[in-house]
Amino acid sequence: MKISPNKFYWLILRVGDWEKKGRCNHLTIRELLPEEREALGPESRGATHVARFFDFEAYRQIVGTIREEDEEHLVLDMGGEKTYEFREFRG
């Protein structure tokens, strides 16, 4: 999925069977730097990417592994059955 920080995105948080849908903007996703992985230590659970976004309450930064990605959506796996899905918001 091509990400632009100037667009709005659907943000779908899933924990097990529970799901919450919202919107966000200023989304950026990048690979973790080696020193960031080292700083996370064993708690990182193999995390590879960091996502930053504004969810209309605060800027958030989450760390996880990209589980799915195609032209329509991106799913970031946080471990423990918790995932964040991002989809472009289209009116």
PDB file of N, CA and C in Angstrom:
ATOM      1  N   MET A   1       0.844  -1.162   0.000  1.00  0.00           N
ATOM      2  CA  MET A   1       0.000   0.000   0.000  1.00  0.00           C
ATOM      3  C   MET A   1       0.902   1.241   0.000  1.00  0.00           C
ATOM      4  N   LYS A   2       0.614   2.161  -0.884  1.00  0.00           N
ATOM      5  CA  LYS A   2       1.362   3.408  -0.922  1.00  0.00           C
ATOM      6  C   LYS A   2       0.788   4.346   0.137  1.00  0.00           C
ATOM      7  N   ILE A   3       1.640   4.806   1.041  1.00  0.00           N
ATOM      8  CA  ILE A   3       1.194   5.632   2.157  1.00  0.00           C
ATOM      9  C   ILE A   3       1.608   7.078   1.937  1.00  0.00           C
ATOM     10  N   SER A   4       0.675   7.970   2.154  1.00  0.00           N
ATOM     11  CA  SER A   4       0.932   9.400   2.070  1.00  0.00           C
ATOM     12  C   SER A   4       0.552  10.037   3.401  1.00  0.00           C
ATOM     13  N   PRO A   5       1.444  10.827   4.003  1.00  0.00           N
ATOM     14  CA  PRO A   5       1.094  11.447   5.282  1.00  0.00           C
ATOM     15  C   PRO A   5       0.000  12.502   5.155  1.00  0.00           C
ATOM     16  N   ASN A   6      -0.373  12.878   3.931  1.00  0.00           N
ATOM     17  CA  ASN A   6      -1.386  13.907   3.724  1.00  0.00           C
ATOM     18  C   ASN A   6      -2.784  13.342   3.502  1.00  0.00           C
ATOM     19  N   LYS A   7      -2.962  12.042   3.678  1.00  0.00           N
ATOM     20  CA  LYS A   7      -4.267  11.407   3.482  1.00  0.00           C
ATOM     21  C   LYS A   7      -4.834  10.940   4.822  1.00  0.00           C
ATOM     22  N   PHE A   8      -6.128  10.659   4.816  1.00  0.00           N
ATOM     23  CA  PHE A   8      -6.788  10.056   5.968  1.00  0.00           C
ATOM     24  C   PHE A   8      -6.877   8.549   5.733  1.00  0.00           C
ATOM     25  N   TYR A   9      -6.829   7.787   6.830  1.00  0.00           N
ATOM     26  CA  TYR A   9      -6.878   6.334   6.761  1.00  0.00           C
ATOM     27  C   TYR A   9      -7.868   5.800   7.776  1.00  0.00           C
ATOM     28  N   TRP A  10      -8.524   4.693   7.409  1.00  0.00           N
ATOM     29  CA  TRP A  10      -9.286   3.934   8.380  1.00  0.00           C
ATOM     30  C   TRP A  10      -8.271   3.210   9.238  1.00  0.00           C
ATOM     31  N   LEU A  11      -8.503   3.189  10.524  1.00  0.00           N
ATOM     32  CA  LEU A  11      -7.660   2.481  11.475  1.00  0.00           C
ATOM     33  C   LEU A  11      -8.553   1.470  12.172  1.00  0.00           C
ATOM     34  N   ILE A  12      -8.257   0.199  11.999  1.00  0.00           N
ATOM     35  CA  ILE A  12      -9.067  -0.853  12.609  1.00  0.00           C
ATOM     36  C   ILE A  12      -8.183  -1.605  13.605  1.00  0.00           C
ATOM     37  N   LEU A  13      -8.503  -1.452  14.884  1.00  0.00           N
ATOM     38  CA  LEU A  13      -7.776  -2.130  15.952  1.00  0.00           C
ATOM     39  C   LEU A  13      -8.521  -3.414  16.281  1.00  0.00           C
ATOM     40  N   ARG A  14      -7.807  -4.534  16.261  1.00  0.00           N
ATOM     41  CA  ARG A  14      -8.408  -5.834  16.602  1.00  0.00           C
ATOM     42  C   ARG A  14      -7.603  -6.473  17.722  1.00  0.00           C
ATOM     43  N   VAL A  15      -8.327  -6.938  18.726  1.00  0.00           N
ATOM     44  CA  VAL A  15      -7.735  -7.717  19.806  1.00  0.00           C
ATOM     45  C   VAL A  15      -8.625  -8.936  19.972  1.00  0.00           C
ATOM     46  N   GLY A  16      -8.128 -10.078  19.510  1.00  0.00           N
ATOM     47  CA  GLY A  16      -8.954 -11.285  19.511  1.00  0.00           C
ATOM     48  C   GLY A  16     -10.171 -11.081  18.628  1.00  0.00           C
ATOM     49  N   ASP A  17     -11.373 -11.268  19.190  1.00  0.00           N
ATOM     50  CA  ASP A  17     -12.618 -11.089  18.443  1.00  0.00           C
ATOM     51  C   ASP A  17     -13.151  -9.659  18.523  1.00  0.00           C
ATOM     52  N   TRP A  18     -12.572  -8.833  19.384  1.00  0.00           N
ATOM     53  CA  TRP A  18     -13.017  -7.450  19.567  1.00  0.00           C
ATOM     54  C   TRP A  18     -12.418  -6.565  18.482  1.00  0.00           C
ATOM     55  N   GLU A  19     -13.183  -5.585  18.016  1.00  0.00           N
ATOM     56  CA  GLU A  19     -12.729  -4.708  16.932  1.00  0.00           C
ATOM     57  C   GLU A  19     -13.221  -3.286  17.162  1.00  0.00           C
ATOM     58  N   LYS A  20     -12.366  -2.315  16.897  1.00  0.00           N
ATOM     59  CA  LYS A  20     -12.732  -0.907  17.006  1.00  0.00           C
ATOM     60  C   LYS A  20     -12.226  -0.195  15.755  1.00  0.00           C
ATOM     61  N   LYS A  21     -13.122   0.566  15.112  1.00  0.00           N
ATOM     62  CA  LYS A  21     -12.785   1.251  13.874  1.00  0.00           C
ATOM     63  C   LYS A  21     -12.741   2.751  14.124  1.00  0.00           C
ATOM     64  N   GLY A  22     -11.736   3.411  13.562  1.00  0.00           N
ATOM     65  CA  GLY A  22     -11.598   4.852  13.689  1.00  0.00           C
ATOM     66  C   GLY A  22     -10.857   5.397  12.478  1.00  0.00           C
ATOM     67  N   ARG A  23     -10.477   6.664  12.567  1.00  0.00           N
ATOM     68  CA  ARG A  23      -9.714   7.279  11.482  1.00  0.00           C
ATOM     69  C   ARG A  23      -8.417   7.843  12.032  1.00  0.00           C
ATOM     70  N   CYS A  24      -7.445   8.007  11.141  1.00  0.00           N
ATOM     71  CA  CYS A  24      -6.188   8.626  11.516  1.00  0.00           C
ATOM     72  C   CYS A  24      -5.626   9.357  10.299  1.00  0.00           C
ATOM     73  N   ASN A  25      -4.621  10.192  10.554  1.00  0.00           N
ATOM     74  CA  ASN A  25      -3.903  10.841   9.465  1.00  0.00           C
ATOM     75  C   ASN A  25      -2.444  11.013   9.880  1.00  0.00           C
ATOM     76  N   HIS A  26      -1.659  11.647   9.027  1.00  0.00           N
ATOM     77  CA  HIS A  26      -0.211  11.803   9.242  1.00  0.00           C
ATOM     78  C   HIS A  26       0.456  10.443   9.462  1.00  0.00           C
ATOM     79  N   LEU A  27       0.022   9.427   8.714  1.00  0.00           N
ATOM     80  CA  LEU A  27       0.543   8.069   8.864  1.00  0.00           C
ATOM     81  C   LEU A  27       1.896   7.922   8.186  1.00  0.00           C
ATOM     82  N   THR A  28       2.858   7.367   8.912  1.00  0.00           N
ATOM     83  CA  THR A  28       4.148   6.966   8.347  1.00  0.00           C
ATOM     84  C   THR A  28       4.485   5.594   8.900  1.00  0.00           C
ATOM     85  N   ILE A  29       5.068   4.763   8.056  1.00  0.00           N
ATOM     86  CA  ILE A  29       5.514   3.433   8.475  1.00  0.00           C
ATOM     87  C   ILE A  29       6.918   3.235   7.930  1.00  0.00           C
ATOM     88  N   ARG A  30       7.822   2.804   8.802  1.00  0.00           N
ATOM     89  CA  ARG A  30       9.199   2.580   8.375  1.00  0.00           C
ATOM     90  C   ARG A  30       9.783   1.403   9.146  1.00  0.00           C
ATOM     91  N   GLU A  31      10.891   0.866   8.621  1.00  0.00           N
ATOM     92  CA  GLU A  31      11.569  -0.226   9.302  1.00  0.00           C
ATOM     93  C   GLU A  31      12.272   0.302  10.546  1.00  0.00           C
ATOM     94  N   LEU A  32      12.329  -0.547  11.557  1.00  0.00           N
ATOM     95  CA  LEU A  32      13.057  -0.194  12.770  1.00  0.00           C
ATOM     96  C   LEU A  32      14.555  -0.156  12.470  1.00  0.00           C
ATOM     97  N   LEU A  33      15.240   0.790  13.059  1.00  0.00           N
ATOM     98  CA  LEU A  33      16.691   0.860  12.960  1.00  0.00           C
ATOM     99  C   LEU A  33      17.295  -0.185  13.895  1.00  0.00           C
ATOM    100  N   PRO A  34      18.487  -0.698  13.586  1.00  0.00           N
ATOM    101  CA  PRO A  34      19.095  -1.723  14.454  1.00  0.00           C
ATOM    102  C   PRO A  34      19.197  -1.290  15.916  1.00  0.00           C
ATOM    103  N   GLU A  35      19.532  -0.018  16.155  1.00  0.00           N
ATOM    104  CA  GLU A  35      19.653   0.431  17.546  1.00  0.00           C
ATOM    105  C   GLU A  35      18.282   0.502  18.235  1.00  0.00           C
ATOM    106  N   GLU A  36      17.216   0.732  17.465  1.00  0.00           N
ATOM    107  CA  GLU A  36      15.865   0.724  18.041  1.00  0.00           C
ATOM    108  C   GLU A  36      15.467  -0.691  18.441  1.00  0.00           C
ATOM    109  N   ARG A  37      15.789  -1.669  17.591  1.00  0.00           N
ATOM    110  CA  ARG A  37      15.489  -3.072  17.929  1.00  0.00           C
ATOM    111  C   ARG A  37      16.240  -3.500  19.176  1.00  0.00           C
ATOM    112  N   GLU A  38      17.493  -3.082  19.252  1.00  0.00           N
ATOM    113  CA  GLU A  38      18.307  -3.420  20.408  1.00  0.00           C
ATOM    114  C   GLU A  38      17.741  -2.789  21.677  1.00  0.00           C
ATOM    115  N   ALA A  39      17.293  -1.540  21.569  1.00  0.00           N
ATOM    116  CA  ALA A  39      16.725  -0.839  22.726  1.00  0.00           C
ATOM    117  C   ALA A  39      15.431  -1.494  23.200  1.00  0.00           C
ATOM    118  N   LEU A  40      14.657  -2.068  22.281  1.00  0.00           N
ATOM    119  CA  LEU A  40      13.414  -2.745  22.663  1.00  0.00           C
ATOM    120  C   LEU A  40      13.682  -4.038  23.410  1.00  0.00           C
ATOM    121  N   GLY A  41      14.787  -4.671  23.101  1.00  0.00           N
ATOM    122  CA  GLY A  41      15.168  -5.908  23.773  1.00  0.00           C
ATOM    123  C   GLY A  41      14.227  -7.051  23.451  1.00  0.00           C
ATOM    124  N   PRO A  42      14.116  -8.016  24.361  1.00  0.00           N
ATOM    125  CA  PRO A  42      13.283  -9.199  24.098  1.00  0.00           C
ATOM    126  C   PRO A  42      11.790  -8.885  23.999  1.00  0.00           C
ATOM    127  N   GLU A  43      11.371  -7.719  24.480  1.00  0.00           N
ATOM    128  CA  GLU A  43       9.956  -7.356  24.412  1.00  0.00           C
ATOM    129  C   GLU A  43       9.492  -7.086  22.993  1.00  0.00           C
ATOM    130  N   SER A  44      10.443  -6.871  22.063  1.00  0.00           N
ATOM    131  CA  SER A  44      10.071  -6.533  20.686  1.00  0.00           C
ATOM    132  C   SER A  44       9.414  -7.699  19.964  1.00  0.00           C
ATOM    133  N   ARG A  45       9.677  -8.933  20.389  1.00  0.00           N
ATOM    134  CA  ARG A  45       9.074 -10.131  19.784  1.00  0.00           C
ATOM    135  C   ARG A  45       9.235 -10.146  18.263  1.00  0.00           C
ATOM    136  N   GLY A  46      10.409  -9.809  17.776  1.00  0.00           N
ATOM    137  CA  GLY A  46      10.653  -9.860  16.337  1.00  0.00           C
ATOM    138  C   GLY A  46      10.062  -8.698  15.574  1.00  0.00           C
ATOM    139  N   ALA A  47       9.776  -7.595  16.232  1.00  0.00           N
ATOM    140  CA  ALA A  47       9.200  -6.425  15.558  1.00  0.00           C
ATOM    141  C   ALA A  47      10.149  -5.922  14.475  1.00  0.00           C
ATOM    142  N   THR A  48       9.570  -5.480  13.363  1.00  0.00           N
ATOM    143  CA  THR A  48      10.378  -5.028  12.233  1.00  0.00           C
ATOM    144  C   THR A  48      10.061  -3.602  11.797  1.00  0.00           C
ATOM    145  N   HIS A  49       8.878  -3.084  12.150  1.00  0.00           N
ATOM    146  CA  HIS A  49       8.448  -1.776  11.663  1.00  0.00           C
ATOM    147  C   HIS A  49       7.851  -0.920  12.780  1.00  0.00           C
ATOM    148  N   VAL A  50       7.884   0.380  12.550  1.00  0.00           N
ATOM    149  CA  VAL A  50       7.262   1.323  13.466  1.00  0.00           C
ATOM    150  C   VAL A  50       6.272   2.169  12.665  1.00  0.00           C
ATOM    151  N   ALA A  51       5.088   2.366  13.212  1.00  0.00           N
ATOM    152  CA  ALA A  51       4.057   3.195  12.571  1.00  0.00           C
ATOM    153  C   ALA A  51       3.790   4.385  13.482  1.00  0.00           C
ATOM    154  N   ARG A  52       3.689   5.565  12.876  1.00  0.00           N
ATOM    155  CA  ARG A  52       3.336   6.789  13.612  1.00  0.00           C
ATOM    156  C   ARG A  52       2.125   7.389  12.930  1.00  0.00           C
ATOM    157  N   PHE A  53       1.176   7.866  13.746  1.00  0.00           N
ATOM    158  CA  PHE A  53      -0.034   8.461  13.189  1.00  0.00           C
ATOM    159  C   PHE A  53      -0.707   9.324  14.235  1.00  0.00           C
ATOM    160  N   PHE A  54      -1.612  10.170  13.784  1.00  0.00           N
ATOM    161  CA  PHE A  54      -2.419  11.010  14.659  1.00  0.00           C
ATOM    162  C   PHE A  54      -3.837  10.476  14.603  1.00  0.00           C
ATOM    163  N   ASP A  55      -4.403  10.100  15.748  1.00  0.00           N
ATOM    164  CA  ASP A  55      -5.748   9.510  15.780  1.00  0.00           C
ATOM    165  C   ASP A  55      -6.796  10.483  16.323  1.00  0.00           C
ATOM    166  N   PHE A  56      -6.528  11.787  16.202  1.00  0.00           N
ATOM    167  CA  PHE A  56      -7.431  12.859  16.615  1.00  0.00           C
ATOM    168  C   PHE A  56      -7.492  13.038  18.132  1.00  0.00           C
ATOM    169  N   GLU A  57      -6.717  12.268  18.879  1.00  0.00           N
ATOM    170  CA  GLU A  57      -6.546  12.482  20.307  1.00  0.00           C
ATOM    171  C   GLU A  57      -5.082  12.785  20.608  1.00  0.00           C
ATOM    172  N   ALA A  58      -4.185  12.029  19.967  1.00  0.00           N
ATOM    173  CA  ALA A  58      -2.756  12.173  20.218  1.00  0.00           C
ATOM    174  C   ALA A  58      -1.979  11.505  19.089  1.00  0.00           C
ATOM    175  N   TYR A  59      -0.704  11.861  18.997  1.00  0.00           N
ATOM    176  CA  TYR A  59       0.169  11.125  18.094  1.00  0.00           C
ATOM    177  C   TYR A  59       0.472   9.791  18.739  1.00  0.00           C
ATOM    178  N   ARG A  60       0.443   8.739  17.944  1.00  0.00           N
ATOM    179  CA  ARG A  60       0.721   7.392  18.438  1.00  0.00           C
ATOM    180  C   ARG A  60       1.942   6.848  17.715  1.00  0.00           C
ATOM    181  N   GLN A  61       2.682   6.025  18.405  1.00  0.00           N
ATOM    182  CA  GLN A  61       3.786   5.293  17.790  1.00  0.00           C
ATOM    183  C   GLN A  61       3.660   3.854  18.249  1.00  0.00           C
ATOM    184  N   ILE A  62       3.536   2.944  17.291  1.00  0.00           N
ATOM    185  CA  ILE A  62       3.378   1.528  17.608  1.00  0.00           C
ATOM    186  C   ILE A  62       4.451   0.737  16.880  1.00  0.00           C
ATOM    187  N   VAL A  63       4.857  -0.364  17.471  1.00  0.00           N
ATOM    188  CA  VAL A  63       5.928  -1.187  16.923  1.00  0.00           C
ATOM    189  C   VAL A  63       5.385  -2.590  16.710  1.00  0.00           C
ATOM    190  N   GLY A  64       5.612  -3.144  15.520  1.00  0.00           N
ATOM    191  CA  GLY A  64       5.126  -4.487  15.226  1.00  0.00           C
ATOM    192  C   GLY A  64       5.739  -5.034  13.955  1.00  0.00           C
ATOM    193  N   THR A  65       5.093  -6.050  13.417  1.00  0.00           N
ATOM    194  CA  THR A  65       5.543  -6.722  12.205  1.00  0.00           C
ATOM    195  C   THR A  65       4.444  -6.639  11.158  1.00  0.00           C
ATOM    196  N   ILE A  66       4.812  -6.309   9.938  1.00  0.00           N
ATOM    197  CA  ILE A  66       3.818  -6.262   8.864  1.00  0.00           C
ATOM    198  C   ILE A  66       3.407  -7.698   8.535  1.00  0.00           C
ATOM    199  N   ARG A  67       2.123  -7.992   8.747  1.00  0.00           N
ATOM    200  CA  ARG A  67       1.607  -9.337   8.491  1.00  0.00           C
ATOM    201  C   ARG A  67       1.011  -9.446   7.099  1.00  0.00           C
ATOM    202  N   GLU A  68       0.309  -8.411   6.655  1.00  0.00           N
ATOM    203  CA  GLU A  68      -0.305  -8.394   5.323  1.00  0.00           C
ATOM    204  C   GLU A  68      -0.102  -7.020   4.720  1.00  0.00           C
ATOM    205  N   GLU A  69       0.116  -6.998   3.420  1.00  0.00           N
ATOM    206  CA  GLU A  69       0.179  -5.718   2.721  1.00  0.00           C
ATOM    207  C   GLU A  69      -0.157  -5.941   1.255  1.00  0.00           C
ATOM    208  N   ASP A  70      -1.085  -5.144   0.755  1.00  0.00           N
ATOM    209  CA  ASP A  70      -1.392  -5.130  -0.673  1.00  0.00           C
ATOM    210  C   ASP A  70      -1.776  -3.705  -1.047  1.00  0.00           C
ATOM    211  N   GLU A  71      -2.362  -3.512  -2.202  1.00  0.00           N
ATOM    212  CA  GLU A  71      -2.711  -2.163  -2.657  1.00  0.00           C
ATOM    213  C   GLU A  71      -3.829  -1.529  -1.828  1.00  0.00           C
ATOM    214  N   GLU A  72      -4.639  -2.337  -1.157  1.00  0.00           N
ATOM    215  CA  GLU A  72      -5.810  -1.854  -0.424  1.00  0.00           C
ATOM    216  C   GLU A  72      -5.582  -1.626   1.068  1.00  0.00           C
ATOM    217  N   HIS A  73      -4.741  -2.429   1.685  1.00  0.00           N
ATOM    218  CA  HIS A  73      -4.586  -2.323   3.138  1.00  0.00           C
ATOM    219  C   HIS A  73      -3.219  -2.804   3.598  1.00  0.00           C
ATOM    220  N   LEU A  74      -2.934  -2.506   4.872  1.00  0.00           N
ATOM    221  CA  LEU A  74      -1.714  -2.952   5.533  1.00  0.00           C
ATOM    222  C   LEU A  74      -2.093  -3.368   6.946  1.00  0.00           C
ATOM    223  N   VAL A  75      -1.615  -4.517   7.383  1.00  0.00           N
ATOM    224  CA  VAL A  75      -1.910  -5.020   8.722  1.00  0.00           C
ATOM    225  C   VAL A  75      -0.603  -5.131   9.496  1.00  0.00           C
ATOM    226  N   LEU A  76      -0.562  -4.469  10.648  1.00  0.00           N
ATOM    227  CA  LEU A  76       0.603  -4.493  11.525  1.00  0.00           C
ATOM    228  C   LEU A  76       0.272  -5.366  12.726  1.00  0.00           C
ATOM    229  N   ASP A  77       1.007  -6.456  12.890  1.00  0.00           N
ATOM    230  CA  ASP A  77       0.780  -7.414  13.972  1.00  0.00           C
ATOM    231  C   ASP A  77       1.604  -6.995  15.184  1.00  0.00           C
ATOM    232  N   MET A  78       0.918  -6.805  16.312  1.00  0.00           N
ATOM    233  CA  MET A  78       1.564  -6.365  17.543  1.00  0.00           C
ATOM    234  C   MET A  78       1.896  -7.537  18.469  1.00  0.00           C
ATOM    235  N   GLY A  79       1.459  -8.736  18.105  1.00  0.00           N
ATOM    236  CA  GLY A  79       1.628  -9.896  18.981  1.00  0.00           C
ATOM    237  C   GLY A  79       0.457  -9.991  19.944  1.00  0.00           C
ATOM    238  N   GLY A  80       0.257 -11.141  20.514  1.00  0.00           N
ATOM    239  CA  GLY A  80      -0.824 -11.325  21.485  1.00  0.00           C
ATOM    240  C   GLY A  80      -2.206 -11.097  20.906  1.00  0.00           C
ATOM    241  N   GLU A  81      -2.438 -11.499  19.663  1.00  0.00           N
ATOM    242  CA  GLU A  81      -3.726 -11.359  18.967  1.00  0.00           C
ATOM    243  C   GLU A  81      -4.131  -9.911  18.728  1.00  0.00           C
ATOM    244  N   LYS A  82      -3.203  -8.978  18.815  1.00  0.00           N
ATOM    245  CA  LYS A  82      -3.517  -7.556  18.608  1.00  0.00           C
ATOM    246  C   LYS A  82      -2.948  -7.109  17.264  1.00  0.00           C
ATOM    247  N   THR A  83      -3.829  -6.531  16.417  1.00  0.00           N
ATOM    248  CA  THR A  83      -3.399  -6.033  15.116  1.00  0.00           C
ATOM    249  C   THR A  83      -3.989  -4.649  14.855  1.00  0.00           C
ATOM    250  N   TYR A  84      -3.284  -3.887  14.045  1.00  0.00           N
ATOM    251  CA  TYR A  84      -3.772  -2.605  13.535  1.00  0.00           C
ATOM    252  C   TYR A  84      -3.848  -2.733  12.026  1.00  0.00           C
ATOM    253  N   GLU A  85      -4.997  -2.425  11.456  1.00  0.00           N
ATOM    254  CA  GLU A  85      -5.157  -2.440  10.006  1.00  0.00           C
ATOM    255  C   GLU A  85      -5.372  -1.009   9.533  1.00  0.00           C
ATOM    256  N   PHE A  86      -4.673  -0.640   8.477  1.00  0.00           N
ATOM    257  CA  PHE A  86      -4.804   0.688   7.879  1.00  0.00           C
ATOM    258  C   PHE A  86      -5.340   0.537   6.471  1.00  0.00           C
ATOM    259  N   ARG A  87      -6.379   1.310   6.142  1.00  0.00           N
ATOM    260  CA  ARG A  87      -6.965   1.361   4.803  1.00  0.00           C
ATOM    261  C   ARG A  87      -7.186   2.812   4.439  1.00  0.00           C
ATOM    262  N   GLU A  88      -6.967   3.145   3.175  1.00  0.00           N
ATOM    263  CA  GLU A  88      -7.175   4.529   2.756  1.00  0.00           C
ATOM    264  C   GLU A  88      -8.640   4.906   2.934  1.00  0.00           C
ATOM    265  N   PHE A  89      -8.867   6.081   3.513  1.00  0.00           N
ATOM    266  CA  PHE A  89     -10.225   6.579   3.732  1.00  0.00           C
ATOM    267  C   PHE A  89     -10.724   7.196   2.439  1.00  0.00           C
ATOM    268  N   ARG A  90     -11.858   6.711   1.959  1.00  0.00           N
ATOM    269  CA  ARG A  90     -12.441   7.220   0.725  1.00  0.00           C
ATOM    270  C   ARG A  90     -13.863   7.664   1.009  1.00  0.00           C
ATOM    271  N   GLY A  91     -13.977   8.903   1.501  1.00  0.00           N
ATOM    272  CA  GLY A  91     -15.243   9.559   1.778  1.00  0.00           C
ATOM    273  C   GLY A  91     -16.284   8.710   2.258  1.00  0.00           C
TER     274      GLY A  91
END
